[in-house]
Amino acid sequence: RTLYTCLLSFQPAVERLRVAHQGEKKRGVVV
């Protein structure tokens, strides 16, 4: 419930950080 709340509520930041981290060795944008 917390993971989905974060993904849905902060979708603009999720998408921005996903793009910013492209090409990096990072497992995901929500820790």
PDB file of all heavy atoms in Angstrom:
ATOM      1  N   ARG A   1       0.816  -1.220   0.000  1.00  0.00           N
ATOM      2  CA  ARG A   1       0.000   0.000   0.000  1.00  0.00           C
ATOM      3  C   ARG A   1       0.851   1.273   0.000  1.00  0.00           C
ATOM      4  O   ARG A   1       0.462   2.292  -0.586  1.00  0.00           O
ATOM      5  CB  ARG A   1      -0.956   0.009   1.199  1.00  0.00           C
ATOM      6  CG  ARG A   1      -0.300  -0.077   2.580  1.00  0.00           C
ATOM      7  CD  ARG A   1      -1.385  -0.222   3.635  1.00  0.00           C
ATOM      8  NE  ARG A   1      -0.929  -0.341   4.998  1.00  0.00           N
ATOM      9  CZ  ARG A   1      -0.639  -1.486   5.612  1.00  0.00           C
ATOM     10  NH1 ARG A   1      -0.738  -2.627   4.942  1.00  0.00           N
ATOM     11  NH2 ARG A   1      -0.268  -1.492   6.886  1.00  0.00           N
ATOM     12  N   THR A   2       2.016   1.216   0.645  1.00  0.00           N
ATOM     13  CA  THR A   2       2.881   2.387   0.664  1.00  0.00           C
ATOM     14  C   THR A   2       3.630   2.549  -0.663  1.00  0.00           C
ATOM     15  O   THR A   2       3.813   3.669  -1.152  1.00  0.00           O
ATOM     16  CB  THR A   2       3.874   2.305   1.831  1.00  0.00           C
ATOM     17  OG1 THR A   2       4.300   0.943   2.003  1.00  0.00           O
ATOM     18  CG2 THR A   2       3.237   2.771   3.123  1.00  0.00           C
ATOM     19  N   LEU A   3       4.050   1.440  -1.234  1.00  0.00           N
ATOM     20  CA  LEU A   3       4.740   1.516  -2.523  1.00  0.00           C
ATOM     21  C   LEU A   3       3.819   2.069  -3.608  1.00  0.00           C
ATOM     22  O   LEU A   3       4.213   2.952  -4.389  1.00  0.00           O
ATOM     23  CB  LEU A   3       5.254   0.131  -2.924  1.00  0.00           C
ATOM     24  CG  LEU A   3       6.409  -0.425  -2.075  1.00  0.00           C
ATOM     25  CD1 LEU A   3       6.709  -1.868  -2.464  1.00  0.00           C
ATOM     26  CD2 LEU A   3       7.660   0.436  -2.227  1.00  0.00           C
ATOM     27  N   TYR A   4       2.570   1.574  -3.643  1.00  0.00           N
ATOM     28  CA  TYR A   4       1.630   2.083  -4.647  1.00  0.00           C
ATOM     29  C   TYR A   4       1.246   3.534  -4.366  1.00  0.00           C
ATOM     30  O   TYR A   4       1.063   4.325  -5.308  1.00  0.00           O
ATOM     31  CB  TYR A   4       0.397   1.188  -4.726  1.00  0.00           C
ATOM     32  CG  TYR A   4       0.643  -0.080  -5.510  1.00  0.00           C
ATOM     33  CD1 TYR A   4       0.565  -1.329  -4.901  1.00  0.00           C
ATOM     34  CD2 TYR A   4       0.973  -0.033  -6.863  1.00  0.00           C
ATOM     35  CE1 TYR A   4       0.803  -2.503  -5.621  1.00  0.00           C
ATOM     36  CE2 TYR A   4       1.210  -1.195  -7.589  1.00  0.00           C
ATOM     37  CZ  TYR A   4       1.127  -2.423  -6.959  1.00  0.00           C
ATOM     38  OH  TYR A   4       1.377  -3.572  -7.677  1.00  0.00           O
ATOM     39  N   THR A   5       1.118   3.898  -3.100  1.00  0.00           N
ATOM     40  CA  THR A   5       0.825   5.298  -2.785  1.00  0.00           C
ATOM     41  C   THR A   5       1.924   6.203  -3.311  1.00  0.00           C
ATOM     42  O   THR A   5       1.660   7.261  -3.895  1.00  0.00           O
ATOM     43  CB  THR A   5       0.676   5.495  -1.264  1.00  0.00           C
ATOM     44  OG1 THR A   5      -0.453   4.742  -0.801  1.00  0.00           O
ATOM     45  CG2 THR A   5       0.460   6.964  -0.918  1.00  0.00           C
ATOM     46  N   CYS A   6       3.169   5.788  -3.140  1.00  0.00           N
ATOM     47  CA  CYS A   6       4.291   6.599  -3.613  1.00  0.00           C
ATOM     48  C   CYS A   6       4.311   6.681  -5.140  1.00  0.00           C
ATOM     49  O   CYS A   6       4.454   7.767  -5.714  1.00  0.00           O
ATOM     50  CB  CYS A   6       5.604   6.001  -3.096  1.00  0.00           C
ATOM     51  SG  CYS A   6       7.031   7.067  -3.326  1.00  0.00           S
ATOM     52  N   LEU A   7       4.148   5.552  -5.809  1.00  0.00           N
ATOM     53  CA  LEU A   7       4.198   5.534  -7.269  1.00  0.00           C
ATOM     54  C   LEU A   7       3.076   6.365  -7.897  1.00  0.00           C
ATOM     55  O   LEU A   7       3.295   7.070  -8.892  1.00  0.00           O
ATOM     56  CB  LEU A   7       4.119   4.096  -7.772  1.00  0.00           C
ATOM     57  CG  LEU A   7       5.343   3.215  -7.508  1.00  0.00           C
ATOM     58  CD1 LEU A   7       5.026   1.755  -7.813  1.00  0.00           C
ATOM     59  CD2 LEU A   7       6.538   3.680  -8.340  1.00  0.00           C
ATOM     60  N   LEU A   8       1.881   6.284  -7.325  1.00  0.00           N
ATOM     61  CA  LEU A   8       0.732   6.996  -7.892  1.00  0.00           C
ATOM     62  C   LEU A   8       0.705   8.475  -7.493  1.00  0.00           C
ATOM     63  O   LEU A   8       0.429   9.344  -8.330  1.00  0.00           O
ATOM     64  CB  LEU A   8      -0.570   6.320  -7.446  1.00  0.00           C
ATOM     65  CG  LEU A   8      -0.807   4.894  -7.953  1.00  0.00           C
ATOM     66  CD1 LEU A   8      -2.075   4.317  -7.333  1.00  0.00           C
ATOM     67  CD2 LEU A   8      -0.903   4.865  -9.478  1.00  0.00           C
ATOM     68  N   SER A   9       0.984   8.767  -6.246  1.00  0.00           N
ATOM     69  CA  SER A   9       0.871  10.139  -5.744  1.00  0.00           C
ATOM     70  C   SER A   9       1.978  11.041  -6.259  1.00  0.00           C
ATOM     71  O   SER A   9       1.777  12.245  -6.442  1.00  0.00           O
ATOM     72  CB  SER A   9       0.884  10.148  -4.220  1.00  0.00           C
ATOM     73  OG  SER A   9      -0.151   9.367  -3.679  1.00  0.00           O
ATOM     74  N   PHE A  10       3.153  10.468  -6.478  1.00  0.00           N
ATOM     75  CA  PHE A  10       4.306  11.275  -6.869  1.00  0.00           C
ATOM     76  C   PHE A  10       4.791  10.900  -8.269  1.00  0.00           C
ATOM     77  O   PHE A  10       5.976  10.965  -8.573  1.00  0.00           O
ATOM     78  CB  PHE A  10       5.409  11.124  -5.807  1.00  0.00           C
ATOM     79  CG  PHE A  10       4.958  11.604  -4.457  1.00  0.00           C
ATOM     80  CD1 PHE A  10       4.481  10.709  -3.512  1.00  0.00           C
ATOM     81  CD2 PHE A  10       4.944  12.952  -4.174  1.00  0.00           C
ATOM     82  CE1 PHE A  10       4.017  11.150  -2.287  1.00  0.00           C
ATOM     83  CE2 PHE A  10       4.479  13.410  -2.950  1.00  0.00           C
ATOM     84  CZ  PHE A  10       4.019  12.508  -2.001  1.00  0.00           C
ATOM     85  N   GLN A  11       3.813  10.551  -9.123  1.00  0.00           N
ATOM     86  CA  GLN A  11       4.113  10.141 -10.489  1.00  0.00           C
ATOM     87  C   GLN A  11       4.942  11.168 -11.259  1.00  0.00           C
ATOM     88  O   GLN A  11       5.875  10.781 -11.992  1.00  0.00           O
ATOM     89  CB  GLN A  11       2.816   9.812 -11.229  1.00  0.00           C
ATOM     90  CG  GLN A  11       3.000   9.243 -12.616  1.00  0.00           C
ATOM     91  CD  GLN A  11       3.130  10.335 -13.681  1.00  0.00           C
ATOM     92  OE1 GLN A  11       2.587  11.431 -13.503  1.00  0.00           O
ATOM     93  NE2 GLN A  11       3.831  10.034 -14.756  1.00  0.00           N
ATOM     94  N   PRO A  12       4.680  12.479 -11.127  1.00  0.00           N
ATOM     95  CA  PRO A  12       5.536  13.436 -11.851  1.00  0.00           C
ATOM     96  C   PRO A  12       7.003  13.340 -11.453  1.00  0.00           C
ATOM     97  O   PRO A  12       7.892  13.396 -12.307  1.00  0.00           O
ATOM     98  CB  PRO A  12       4.932  14.798 -11.468  1.00  0.00           C
ATOM     99  CG  PRO A  12       3.505  14.493 -11.144  1.00  0.00           C
ATOM    100  CD  PRO A  12       3.547  13.161 -10.460  1.00  0.00           C
ATOM    101  N   ALA A  13       7.263  13.172 -10.153  1.00  0.00           N
ATOM    102  CA  ALA A  13       8.651  13.040  -9.689  1.00  0.00           C
ATOM    103  C   ALA A  13       9.228  11.685 -10.081  1.00  0.00           C
ATOM    104  O   ALA A  13      10.413  11.583 -10.427  1.00  0.00           O
ATOM    105  CB  ALA A  13       8.720  13.227  -8.179  1.00  0.00           C
ATOM    106  N   VAL A  14       8.398  10.638 -10.031  1.00  0.00           N
ATOM    107  CA  VAL A  14       8.851   9.308 -10.447  1.00  0.00           C
ATOM    108  C   VAL A  14       9.356   9.358 -11.883  1.00  0.00           C
ATOM    109  O   VAL A  14      10.448   8.860 -12.198  1.00  0.00           O
ATOM    110  CB  VAL A  14       7.714   8.265 -10.312  1.00  0.00           C
ATOM    111  CG1 VAL A  14       8.087   6.963 -11.016  1.00  0.00           C
ATOM    112  CG2 VAL A  14       7.396   8.001  -8.851  1.00  0.00           C
ATOM    113  N   GLU A  15       8.594   9.952 -12.762  1.00  0.00           N
ATOM    114  CA  GLU A  15       8.960  10.011 -14.172  1.00  0.00           C
ATOM    115  C   GLU A  15      10.203  10.874 -14.376  1.00  0.00           C
ATOM    116  O   GLU A  15      11.116  10.508 -15.138  1.00  0.00           O
ATOM    117  CB  GLU A  15       7.803  10.550 -15.001  1.00  0.00           C
ATOM    118  CG  GLU A  15       8.074  10.652 -16.491  1.00  0.00           C
ATOM    119  CD  GLU A  15       8.411   9.320 -17.141  1.00  0.00           C
ATOM    120  OE1 GLU A  15       8.055   8.258 -16.572  1.00  0.00           O
ATOM    121  OE2 GLU A  15       9.055   9.327 -18.208  1.00  0.00           O
ATOM    122  N   ARG A  16      10.258  12.026 -13.703  1.00  0.00           N
ATOM    123  CA  ARG A  16      11.418  12.921 -13.849  1.00  0.00           C
ATOM    124  C   ARG A  16      12.697  12.239 -13.364  1.00  0.00           C
ATOM    125  O   ARG A  16      13.742  12.308 -14.032  1.00  0.00           O
ATOM    126  CB  ARG A  16      11.166  14.213 -13.071  1.00  0.00           C
ATOM    127  CG  ARG A  16      12.364  15.174 -13.062  1.00  0.00           C
ATOM    128  CD  ARG A  16      12.000  16.511 -12.444  1.00  0.00           C
ATOM    129  NE  ARG A  16      11.432  16.361 -11.117  1.00  0.00           N
ATOM    130  CZ  ARG A  16      12.155  16.150 -10.006  1.00  0.00           C
ATOM    131  NH1 ARG A  16      13.475  16.036 -10.094  1.00  0.00           N
ATOM    132  NH2 ARG A  16      11.572  16.070  -8.831  1.00  0.00           N
ATOM    133  N   LEU A  17      12.635  11.576 -12.216  1.00  0.00           N
ATOM    134  CA  LEU A  17      13.816  10.908 -11.670  1.00  0.00           C
ATOM    135  C   LEU A  17      14.206   9.694 -12.505  1.00  0.00           C
ATOM    136  O   LEU A  17      15.390   9.383 -12.655  1.00  0.00           O
ATOM    137  CB  LEU A  17      13.566  10.512 -10.221  1.00  0.00           C
ATOM    138  CG  LEU A  17      13.407  11.677  -9.231  1.00  0.00           C
ATOM    139  CD1 LEU A  17      13.013  11.167  -7.854  1.00  0.00           C
ATOM    140  CD2 LEU A  17      14.692  12.498  -9.144  1.00  0.00           C
ATOM    141  N   ARG A  18      13.202   9.014 -13.068  1.00  0.00           N
ATOM    142  CA  ARG A  18      13.494   7.869 -13.926  1.00  0.00           C
ATOM    143  C   ARG A  18      14.318   8.314 -15.133  1.00  0.00           C
ATOM    144  O   ARG A  18      15.317   7.682 -15.484  1.00  0.00           O
ATOM    145  CB  ARG A  18      12.206   7.198 -14.395  1.00  0.00           C
ATOM    146  CG  ARG A  18      12.422   5.944 -15.236  1.00  0.00           C
ATOM    147  CD  ARG A  18      11.125   5.476 -15.875  1.00  0.00           C
ATOM    148  NE  ARG A  18      10.628   6.422 -16.870  1.00  0.00           N
ATOM    149  CZ  ARG A  18      11.108   6.522 -18.115  1.00  0.00           C
ATOM    150  NH1 ARG A  18      12.105   5.730 -18.514  1.00  0.00           N
ATOM    151  NH2 ARG A  18      10.595   7.394 -18.951  1.00  0.00           N
ATOM    152  N   VAL A  19      13.902   9.402 -15.742  1.00  0.00           N
ATOM    153  CA  VAL A  19      14.625   9.923 -16.905  1.00  0.00           C
ATOM    154  C   VAL A  19      16.017  10.394 -16.492  1.00  0.00           C
ATOM    155  O   VAL A  19      17.021  10.141 -17.174  1.00  0.00           O
ATOM    156  CB  VAL A  19      13.827  11.071 -17.556  1.00  0.00           C
ATOM    157  CG1 VAL A  19      14.659  11.750 -18.636  1.00  0.00           C
ATOM    158  CG2 VAL A  19      12.521  10.551 -18.133  1.00  0.00           C
ATOM    159  N   ALA A  20      16.110  11.074 -15.339  1.00  0.00           N
ATOM    160  CA  ALA A  20      17.394  11.595 -14.870  1.00  0.00           C
ATOM    161  C   ALA A  20      18.394  10.490 -14.578  1.00  0.00           C
ATOM    162  O   ALA A  20      19.605  10.672 -14.723  1.00  0.00           O
ATOM    163  CB  ALA A  20      17.180  12.448 -13.623  1.00  0.00           C
ATOM    164  N   HIS A  21      17.886   9.311 -14.173  1.00  0.00           N
ATOM    165  CA  HIS A  21      18.761   8.203 -13.796  1.00  0.00           C
ATOM    166  C   HIS A  21      19.044   7.233 -14.941  1.00  0.00           C
ATOM    167  O   HIS A  21      19.708   6.223 -14.730  1.00  0.00           O
ATOM    168  CB  HIS A  21      18.144   7.437 -12.620  1.00  0.00           C
ATOM    169  CG  HIS A  21      18.063   8.256 -11.367  1.00  0.00           C
ATOM    170  ND1 HIS A  21      17.172   7.984 -10.352  1.00  0.00           N
ATOM    171  CD2 HIS A  21      18.761   9.350 -10.976  1.00  0.00           C
ATOM    172  CE1 HIS A  21      17.324   8.871  -9.391  1.00  0.00           C
ATOM    173  NE2 HIS A  21      18.278   9.706  -9.743  1.00  0.00           N
ATOM    174  N   GLN A  22      18.539   7.532 -16.109  1.00  0.00           N
ATOM    175  CA  GLN A  22      18.784   6.639 -17.238  1.00  0.00           C
ATOM    176  C   GLN A  22      20.284   6.537 -17.503  1.00  0.00           C
ATOM    177  O   GLN A  22      21.005   7.520 -17.491  1.00  0.00           O
ATOM    178  CB  GLN A  22      18.065   7.140 -18.488  1.00  0.00           C
ATOM    179  CG  GLN A  22      16.578   6.823 -18.498  1.00  0.00           C
ATOM    180  CD  GLN A  22      15.889   7.290 -19.766  1.00  0.00           C
ATOM    181  OE1 GLN A  22      16.427   8.097 -20.511  1.00  0.00           O
ATOM    182  NE2 GLN A  22      14.693   6.788 -20.013  1.00  0.00           N
ATOM    183  N   GLY A  23      20.736   5.322 -17.729  1.00  0.00           N
ATOM    184  CA  GLY A  23      22.151   5.119 -17.983  1.00  0.00           C
ATOM    185  C   GLY A  23      22.977   4.908 -16.736  1.00  0.00           C
ATOM    186  O   GLY A  23      24.174   4.614 -16.822  1.00  0.00           O
ATOM    187  N   GLU A  24      22.363   5.075 -15.545  1.00  0.00           N
ATOM    188  CA  GLU A  24      23.080   4.858 -14.294  1.00  0.00           C
ATOM    189  C   GLU A  24      22.770   3.468 -13.747  1.00  0.00           C
ATOM    190  O   GLU A  24      21.733   2.887 -14.049  1.00  0.00           O
ATOM    191  CB  GLU A  24      22.663   5.915 -13.260  1.00  0.00           C
ATOM    192  CG  GLU A  24      22.971   7.336 -13.685  1.00  0.00           C
ATOM    193  CD  GLU A  24      22.437   8.354 -12.695  1.00  0.00           C
ATOM    194  OE1 GLU A  24      21.836   7.935 -11.680  1.00  0.00           O
ATOM    195  OE2 GLU A  24      22.617   9.553 -12.930  1.00  0.00           O
ATOM    196  N   LYS A  25      23.678   2.951 -12.946  1.00  0.00           N
ATOM    197  CA  LYS A  25      23.471   1.648 -12.317  1.00  0.00           C
ATOM    198  C   LYS A  25      22.604   1.836 -11.082  1.00  0.00           C
ATOM    199  O   LYS A  25      23.066   1.806  -9.953  1.00  0.00           O
ATOM    200  CB  LYS A  25      24.813   1.014 -11.957  1.00  0.00           C
ATOM    201  CG  LYS A  25      25.644   0.625 -13.166  1.00  0.00           C
ATOM    202  CD  LYS A  25      26.935  -0.057 -12.747  1.00  0.00           C
ATOM    203  CE  LYS A  25      27.737  -0.478 -13.962  1.00  0.00           C
ATOM    204  NZ  LYS A  25      29.025  -1.135 -13.579  1.00  0.00           N
ATOM    205  N   LYS A  26      21.342   2.072 -11.306  1.00  0.00           N
ATOM    206  CA  LYS A  26      20.399   2.318 -10.220  1.00  0.00           C
ATOM    207  C   LYS A  26      19.216   1.374 -10.376  1.00  0.00           C
ATOM    208  O   LYS A  26      18.705   1.177 -11.474  1.00  0.00           O
ATOM    209  CB  LYS A  26      19.919   3.772 -10.228  1.00  0.00           C
ATOM    210  CG  LYS A  26      19.084   4.159  -9.023  1.00  0.00           C
ATOM    211  CD  LYS A  26      18.844   5.647  -9.006  1.00  0.00           C
ATOM    212  CE  LYS A  26      17.915   6.037  -7.857  1.00  0.00           C
ATOM    213  NZ  LYS A  26      18.503   5.770  -6.547  1.00  0.00           N
ATOM    214  N   ARG A  27      18.766   0.791  -9.254  1.00  0.00           N
ATOM    215  CA  ARG A  27      17.761  -0.263  -9.331  1.00  0.00           C
ATOM    216  C   ARG A  27      16.338   0.267  -9.458  1.00  0.00           C
ATOM    217  O   ARG A  27      15.445  -0.453  -9.850  1.00  0.00           O
ATOM    218  CB  ARG A  27      17.866  -1.146  -8.084  1.00  0.00           C
ATOM    219  CG  ARG A  27      19.185  -1.895  -7.981  1.00  0.00           C
ATOM    220  CD  ARG A  27      19.312  -2.604  -6.651  1.00  0.00           C
ATOM    221  NE  ARG A  27      20.593  -3.283  -6.527  1.00  0.00           N
ATOM    222  CZ  ARG A  27      20.831  -4.534  -6.869  1.00  0.00           C
ATOM    223  NH1 ARG A  27      19.862  -5.268  -7.370  1.00  0.00           N
ATOM    224  NH2 ARG A  27      22.017  -5.071  -6.717  1.00  0.00           N
ATOM    225  N   GLY A  28      16.082   1.505  -9.117  1.00  0.00           N
ATOM    226  CA  GLY A  28      14.733   2.049  -9.171  1.00  0.00           C
ATOM    227  C   GLY A  28      14.710   3.415  -8.527  1.00  0.00           C
ATOM    228  O   GLY A  28      15.635   3.797  -7.812  1.00  0.00           O
ATOM    229  N   VAL A  29      13.646   4.162  -8.754  1.00  0.00           N
ATOM    230  CA  VAL A  29      13.600   5.526  -8.230  1.00  0.00           C
ATOM    231  C   VAL A  29      12.910   5.615  -6.879  1.00  0.00           C
ATOM    232  O   VAL A  29      13.064   6.596  -6.164  1.00  0.00           O
ATOM    233  CB  VAL A  29      12.919   6.482  -9.231  1.00  0.00           C
ATOM    234  CG1 VAL A  29      13.713   6.566 -10.518  1.00  0.00           C
ATOM    235  CG2 VAL A  29      11.489   6.063  -9.515  1.00  0.00           C
ATOM    236  N   VAL A  30      12.132   4.593  -6.484  1.00  0.00           N
ATOM    237  CA  VAL A  30      11.501   4.553  -5.167  1.00  0.00           C
ATOM    238  C   VAL A  30      12.248   3.522  -4.329  1.00  0.00           C
ATOM    239  O   VAL A  30      12.222   2.331  -4.635  1.00  0.00           O
ATOM    240  CB  VAL A  30      10.007   4.174  -5.249  1.00  0.00           C
ATOM    241  CG1 VAL A  30       9.411   4.052  -3.845  1.00  0.00           C
ATOM    242  CG2 VAL A  30       9.245   5.206  -6.072  1.00  0.00           C
ATOM    243  N   VAL A  31      12.929   3.985  -3.283  1.00  0.00           N
ATOM    244  CA  VAL A  31      13.698   3.080  -2.434  1.00  0.00           C
ATOM    245  C   VAL A  31      12.779   2.509  -1.357  1.00  0.00           C
ATOM    246  O   VAL A  31      12.168   3.260  -0.585  1.00  0.00           O
ATOM    247  CB  VAL A  31      14.876   3.804  -1.768  1.00  0.00           C
ATOM    248  CG1 VAL A  31      15.644   2.841  -0.846  1.00  0.00           C
ATOM    249  CG2 VAL A  31      15.808   4.384  -2.827  1.00  0.00           C
TER     250      VAL A  31
END
